[in-house]
Amino acid sequence: MASVRILYASEHHSTEEIADRIGERLRLNGHHVEIQALRAPSEGHGPLPGDALVLGSAVHDGAWLPAAEDFVRNNADRWDDQPTWMFSVGMAAALPGPLRRLAERMVQPRVAALVEVVRPRDHRRFSGVIRREHLDRKGALLFRLLGCRYGDHRDWAAIDAWADDIVRQLDA
């Protein structure tokens, strides 16, 4: 049984719910899990006890939320100490077909830079929830012009499969 810390940054709760789901899967398989939201960068985060770490963040404008990005950069010296997994939550599944395929292949330089710092065992990209109230007027107009769809685009089967893969690696 491993002790796993799941840290996440979420603006509209979609990433939080994904972190909770991953934690549930790990618990079902006998692991001790602590789930915690990353606080604002100026608040600090304290020590990170545990055998393994899962880090996740919503992606806005091609970058992790500031609290998550700050956390990765401020802890750069500790990523060799424990096995770590990362996940990013964006809106690729809300895009129409050709744009979705392009977004799924696209490298987001700021996210890629964080992955390079952490060097996780795996980094997964999931789609989240997008609602009209999540966007300002300009963003909503662009969203509509691109033919995007509002809604919950999370693929729970893919999230569960990834969590189960983490379990397999922890049990190995």
C-alpha atoms as a PDB file:
ATOM      1  CA  MET A   1       0.000   0.000   0.000  1.00  0.00           C
ATOM      2  CA  ALA A   2       1.404   3.383  -1.030  1.00  0.00           C
ATOM      3  CA  SER A   3       0.659   6.799   0.369  1.00  0.00           C
ATOM      4  CA  VAL A   4      -0.295   9.052  -2.555  1.00  0.00           C
ATOM      5  CA  ARG A   5      -0.734  12.810  -2.526  1.00  0.00           C
ATOM      6  CA  ILE A   6      -2.930  14.289  -5.264  1.00  0.00           C
ATOM      7  CA  LEU A   7      -2.486  18.030  -5.753  1.00  0.00           C
ATOM      8  CA  TYR A   8      -4.546  19.982  -8.251  1.00  0.00           C
ATOM      9  CA  ALA A   9      -5.488  23.480  -9.409  1.00  0.00           C
ATOM     10  CA  SER A  10      -9.044  23.946 -10.629  1.00  0.00           C
ATOM     11  CA  GLU A  11     -11.005  27.052 -11.492  1.00  0.00           C
ATOM     12  CA  HIS A  12     -14.466  25.640 -12.193  1.00  0.00           C
ATOM     13  CA  HIS A  13     -14.294  22.306 -10.280  1.00  0.00           C
ATOM     14  CA  SER A  14     -13.847  20.042 -13.329  1.00  0.00           C
ATOM     15  CA  THR A  15     -10.194  19.325 -12.530  1.00  0.00           C
ATOM     16  CA  GLU A  16     -11.066  18.939  -8.848  1.00  0.00           C
ATOM     17  CA  GLU A  17     -13.628  16.256  -9.727  1.00  0.00           C
ATOM     18  CA  ILE A  18     -11.069  14.443 -11.892  1.00  0.00           C
ATOM     19  CA  ALA A  19      -8.570  14.523  -8.996  1.00  0.00           C
ATOM     20  CA  ASP A  20     -11.270  13.113  -6.703  1.00  0.00           C
ATOM     21  CA  ARG A  21     -12.064  10.347  -9.179  1.00  0.00           C
ATOM     22  CA  ILE A  22      -8.390   9.366  -9.478  1.00  0.00           C
ATOM     23  CA  GLY A  23      -8.164   9.344  -5.683  1.00  0.00           C
ATOM     24  CA  GLU A  24     -11.245   7.084  -5.425  1.00  0.00           C
ATOM     25  CA  ARG A  25      -9.696   4.575  -7.828  1.00  0.00           C
ATOM     26  CA  LEU A  26      -6.441   4.515  -5.876  1.00  0.00           C
ATOM     27  CA  ARG A  27      -8.311   4.067  -2.573  1.00  0.00           C
ATOM     28  CA  LEU A  28     -10.401   1.221  -4.012  1.00  0.00           C
ATOM     29  CA  ASN A  29      -7.128  -0.554  -4.674  1.00  0.00           C
ATOM     30  CA  GLY A  30      -5.879  -0.179  -1.112  1.00  0.00           C
ATOM     31  CA  HIS A  31      -3.728   2.936  -1.334  1.00  0.00           C
ATOM     32  CA  HIS A  32      -3.842   5.783   1.179  1.00  0.00           C
ATOM     33  CA  VAL A  33      -4.734   8.991  -0.674  1.00  0.00           C
ATOM     34  CA  GLU A  34      -4.713  12.637   0.346  1.00  0.00           C
ATOM     35  CA  ILE A  35      -6.221  15.129  -2.104  1.00  0.00           C
ATOM     36  CA  GLN A  36      -5.474  18.833  -1.803  1.00  0.00           C
ATOM     37  CA  ALA A  37      -6.099  21.948  -3.862  1.00  0.00           C
ATOM     38  CA  LEU A  38      -3.021  24.008  -4.624  1.00  0.00           C
ATOM     39  CA  ARG A  39      -3.366  27.410  -3.022  1.00  0.00           C
ATOM     40  CA  ALA A  40      -2.474  30.786  -4.452  1.00  0.00           C
ATOM     41  CA  PRO A  41       1.260  31.063  -5.175  1.00  0.00           C
ATOM     42  CA  SER A  42       1.906  33.484  -2.315  1.00  0.00           C
ATOM     43  CA  GLU A  43       0.483  31.133   0.334  1.00  0.00           C
ATOM     44  CA  GLY A  44       3.091  28.368   0.176  1.00  0.00           C
ATOM     45  CA  HIS A  45       2.357  24.652   0.189  1.00  0.00           C
ATOM     46  CA  GLY A  46       4.298  23.000   2.990  1.00  0.00           C
ATOM     47  CA  PRO A  47       5.984  19.608   2.955  1.00  0.00           C
ATOM     48  CA  LEU A  48       4.829  16.857   0.628  1.00  0.00           C
ATOM     49  CA  PRO A  49       4.889  13.579   2.530  1.00  0.00           C
ATOM     50  CA  GLY A  50       3.978  10.418   0.680  1.00  0.00           C
ATOM     51  CA  ASP A  51       5.345   7.687  -1.507  1.00  0.00           C
ATOM     52  CA  ALA A  52       3.955   9.079  -4.762  1.00  0.00           C
ATOM     53  CA  LEU A  53       2.502  12.284  -6.168  1.00  0.00           C
ATOM     54  CA  VAL A  54      -0.159  13.066  -8.776  1.00  0.00           C
ATOM     55  CA  LEU A  55      -0.266  16.668 -10.020  1.00  0.00           C
ATOM     56  CA  GLY A  56      -3.034  18.141 -12.114  1.00  0.00           C
ATOM     57  CA  SER A  57      -4.252  21.474 -13.370  1.00  0.00           C
ATOM     58  CA  ALA A  58      -6.791  23.053 -15.613  1.00  0.00           C
ATOM     59  CA  VAL A  59      -5.203  24.548 -18.723  1.00  0.00           C
ATOM     60  CA  HIS A  60      -6.153  28.123 -19.606  1.00  0.00           C
ATOM     61  CA  ASP A  61      -4.585  29.867 -22.593  1.00  0.00           C
ATOM     62  CA  GLY A  62      -2.093  27.033 -23.035  1.00  0.00           C
ATOM     63  CA  ALA A  63      -0.785  27.081 -19.459  1.00  0.00           C
ATOM     64  CA  TRP A  64      -1.448  25.462 -16.110  1.00  0.00           C
ATOM     65  CA  LEU A  65      -3.158  27.706 -13.580  1.00  0.00           C
ATOM     66  CA  PRO A  66      -0.682  29.980 -11.739  1.00  0.00           C
ATOM     67  CA  ALA A  67      -0.834  28.096  -8.413  1.00  0.00           C
ATOM     68  CA  ALA A  68       0.085  24.801 -10.125  1.00  0.00           C
ATOM     69  CA  GLU A  69       2.755  26.312 -12.346  1.00  0.00           C
ATOM     70  CA  ASP A  70       4.275  28.082  -9.349  1.00  0.00           C
ATOM     71  CA  PHE A  71       4.187  24.871  -7.306  1.00  0.00           C
ATOM     72  CA  VAL A  72       6.113  22.932  -9.969  1.00  0.00           C
ATOM     73  CA  ARG A  73       8.746  25.627 -10.343  1.00  0.00           C
ATOM     74  CA  ASN A  74       9.186  26.165  -6.580  1.00  0.00           C
ATOM     75  CA  ASN A  75       9.689  22.451  -5.980  1.00  0.00           C
ATOM     76  CA  ALA A  76      11.976  21.739  -8.941  1.00  0.00           C
ATOM     77  CA  ASP A  77      14.648  20.243  -6.683  1.00  0.00           C
ATOM     78  CA  ARG A  78      12.408  17.460  -5.351  1.00  0.00           C
ATOM     79  CA  TRP A  79      11.078  15.758  -8.478  1.00  0.00           C
ATOM     80  CA  ASP A  80      13.681  12.988  -8.335  1.00  0.00           C
ATOM     81  CA  ASP A  81      12.537  11.998  -4.840  1.00  0.00           C
ATOM     82  CA  GLN A  82       9.217  10.283  -5.576  1.00  0.00           C
ATOM     83  CA  PRO A  83       7.307   8.812  -8.507  1.00  0.00           C
ATOM     84  CA  THR A  84       5.082  11.481  -9.995  1.00  0.00           C
ATOM     85  CA  TRP A  85       2.264  11.541 -12.540  1.00  0.00           C
ATOM     86  CA  MET A  86       0.758  14.653 -14.141  1.00  0.00           C
ATOM     87  CA  PHE A  87      -2.544  15.442 -15.815  1.00  0.00           C
ATOM     88  CA  SER A  88      -3.845  18.501 -17.644  1.00  0.00           C
ATOM     89  CA  VAL A  89      -7.486  19.361 -18.207  1.00  0.00           C
ATOM     90  CA  GLY A  90      -8.416  21.369 -21.281  1.00  0.00           C
ATOM     91  CA  MET A  91     -11.205  21.650 -23.789  1.00  0.00           C
ATOM     92  CA  ALA A  92     -10.062  19.671 -26.833  1.00  0.00           C
ATOM     93  CA  ALA A  93     -13.218  17.519 -26.872  1.00  0.00           C
ATOM     94  CA  ALA A  94     -15.388  20.665 -27.090  1.00  0.00           C
ATOM     95  CA  LEU A  95     -13.873  21.515 -30.472  1.00  0.00           C
ATOM     96  CA  PRO A  96     -15.335  20.319 -33.789  1.00  0.00           C
ATOM     97  CA  GLY A  97     -13.651  17.315 -35.488  1.00  0.00           C
ATOM     98  CA  PRO A  98     -10.642  18.765 -37.372  1.00  0.00           C
ATOM     99  CA  LEU A  99      -9.865  21.327 -34.675  1.00  0.00           C
ATOM    100  CA  ARG A 100     -10.170  18.631 -31.996  1.00  0.00           C
ATOM    101  CA  ARG A 101      -7.657  16.400 -33.747  1.00  0.00           C
ATOM    102  CA  LEU A 102      -5.284  19.339 -34.143  1.00  0.00           C
ATOM    103  CA  ALA A 103      -5.653  20.325 -30.469  1.00  0.00           C
ATOM    104  CA  GLU A 104      -5.050  16.740 -29.322  1.00  0.00           C
ATOM    105  CA  ARG A 105      -1.711  16.689 -31.176  1.00  0.00           C
ATOM    106  CA  MET A 106      -0.679  20.241 -30.350  1.00  0.00           C
ATOM    107  CA  VAL A 107       2.152  20.787 -27.883  1.00  0.00           C
ATOM    108  CA  GLN A 108       1.492  23.557 -25.376  1.00  0.00           C
ATOM    109  CA  PRO A 109       4.970  24.979 -24.688  1.00  0.00           C
ATOM    110  CA  ARG A 110       4.281  26.185 -21.126  1.00  0.00           C
ATOM    111  CA  VAL A 111       2.775  22.836 -20.119  1.00  0.00           C
ATOM    112  CA  ALA A 112       5.587  20.966 -21.883  1.00  0.00           C
ATOM    113  CA  ALA A 113       8.137  23.027 -19.926  1.00  0.00           C
ATOM    114  CA  LEU A 114       6.536  21.906 -16.641  1.00  0.00           C
ATOM    115  CA  VAL A 115       6.556  18.285 -17.775  1.00  0.00           C
ATOM    116  CA  GLU A 116      10.246  18.691 -18.540  1.00  0.00           C
ATOM    117  CA  VAL A 117      10.900  20.018 -15.024  1.00  0.00           C
ATOM    118  CA  VAL A 118       8.996  17.206 -13.304  1.00  0.00           C
ATOM    119  CA  ARG A 119       9.839  14.339 -15.696  1.00  0.00           C
ATOM    120  CA  PRO A 120       6.758  12.378 -14.557  1.00  0.00           C
ATOM    121  CA  ARG A 121       6.173   8.708 -15.214  1.00  0.00           C
ATOM    122  CA  ASP A 122       3.277   9.867 -17.393  1.00  0.00           C
ATOM    123  CA  HIS A 123       1.450  13.051 -18.356  1.00  0.00           C
ATOM    124  CA  ARG A 124      -2.134  12.754 -19.606  1.00  0.00           C
ATOM    125  CA  ARG A 125      -4.409  15.308 -21.164  1.00  0.00           C
ATOM    126  CA  PHE A 126      -8.122  15.093 -20.446  1.00  0.00           C
ATOM    127  CA  SER A 127     -11.022  17.256 -21.509  1.00  0.00           C
ATOM    128  CA  GLY A 128     -13.122  18.928 -18.867  1.00  0.00           C
ATOM    129  CA  VAL A 129     -16.334  20.892 -18.543  1.00  0.00           C
ATOM    130  CA  ILE A 130     -16.966  24.126 -20.424  1.00  0.00           C
ATOM    131  CA  ARG A 131     -20.022  26.251 -19.791  1.00  0.00           C
ATOM    132  CA  ARG A 132     -21.018  29.648 -21.212  1.00  0.00           C
ATOM    133  CA  GLU A 133     -20.406  31.352 -17.856  1.00  0.00           C
ATOM    134  CA  HIS A 134     -16.768  30.171 -17.901  1.00  0.00           C
ATOM    135  CA  LEU A 135     -15.988  32.523 -20.794  1.00  0.00           C
ATOM    136  CA  ASP A 136     -15.970  36.274 -21.127  1.00  0.00           C
ATOM    137  CA  ARG A 137     -17.915  37.873 -23.990  1.00  0.00           C
ATOM    138  CA  LYS A 138     -15.001  37.731 -26.432  1.00  0.00           C
ATOM    139  CA  GLY A 139     -14.189  34.108 -25.523  1.00  0.00           C
ATOM    140  CA  ALA A 140     -17.827  33.051 -25.902  1.00  0.00           C
ATOM    141  CA  LEU A 141     -18.018  34.665 -29.338  1.00  0.00           C
ATOM    142  CA  LEU A 142     -14.848  32.918 -30.508  1.00  0.00           C
ATOM    143  CA  PHE A 143     -16.065  29.641 -29.014  1.00  0.00           C
ATOM    144  CA  ARG A 144     -19.290  29.930 -30.992  1.00  0.00           C
ATOM    145  CA  LEU A 145     -17.570  30.990 -34.225  1.00  0.00           C
ATOM    146  CA  LEU A 146     -15.314  27.934 -34.023  1.00  0.00           C
ATOM    147  CA  GLY A 147     -18.350  25.661 -33.694  1.00  0.00           C
ATOM    148  CA  CYS A 148     -17.445  24.432 -30.226  1.00  0.00           C
ATOM    149  CA  ARG A 149     -19.866  22.665 -27.895  1.00  0.00           C
ATOM    150  CA  TYR A 150     -20.549  23.539 -24.288  1.00  0.00           C
ATOM    151  CA  GLY A 151     -20.922  20.676 -21.835  1.00  0.00           C
ATOM    152  CA  ASP A 152     -19.169  18.015 -19.806  1.00  0.00           C
ATOM    153  CA  HIS A 153     -16.557  16.423 -22.077  1.00  0.00           C
ATOM    154  CA  ARG A 154     -14.786  14.313 -19.478  1.00  0.00           C
ATOM    155  CA  ASP A 155     -14.075  10.745 -20.545  1.00  0.00           C
ATOM    156  CA  TRP A 156     -14.475   8.946 -17.229  1.00  0.00           C
ATOM    157  CA  ALA A 157     -13.454   5.586 -18.711  1.00  0.00           C
ATOM    158  CA  ALA A 158     -10.127   7.067 -19.864  1.00  0.00           C
ATOM    159  CA  ILE A 159      -9.603   8.735 -16.472  1.00  0.00           C
ATOM    160  CA  ASP A 160     -10.364   5.462 -14.667  1.00  0.00           C
ATOM    161  CA  ALA A 161      -8.010   3.529 -16.970  1.00  0.00           C
ATOM    162  CA  TRP A 162      -5.203   6.016 -16.276  1.00  0.00           C
ATOM    163  CA  ALA A 163      -5.786   5.793 -12.515  1.00  0.00           C
ATOM    164  CA  ASP A 164      -5.743   1.991 -12.770  1.00  0.00           C
ATOM    165  CA  ASP A 165      -2.426   2.213 -14.628  1.00  0.00           C
ATOM    166  CA  ILE A 166      -1.029   4.286 -11.745  1.00  0.00           C
ATOM    167  CA  VAL A 167      -2.238   1.562  -9.362  1.00  0.00           C
ATOM    168  CA  ARG A 168      -0.436  -1.109 -11.410  1.00  0.00           C
ATOM    169  CA  GLN A 169       2.792   0.883 -11.295  1.00  0.00           C
ATOM    170  CA  LEU A 170       2.490   1.491  -7.556  1.00  0.00           C
ATOM    171  CA  ASP A 171       1.830  -2.206  -6.930  1.00  0.00           C
ATOM    172  CA  ALA A 172       4.784  -3.332  -9.067  1.00  0.00           C
END
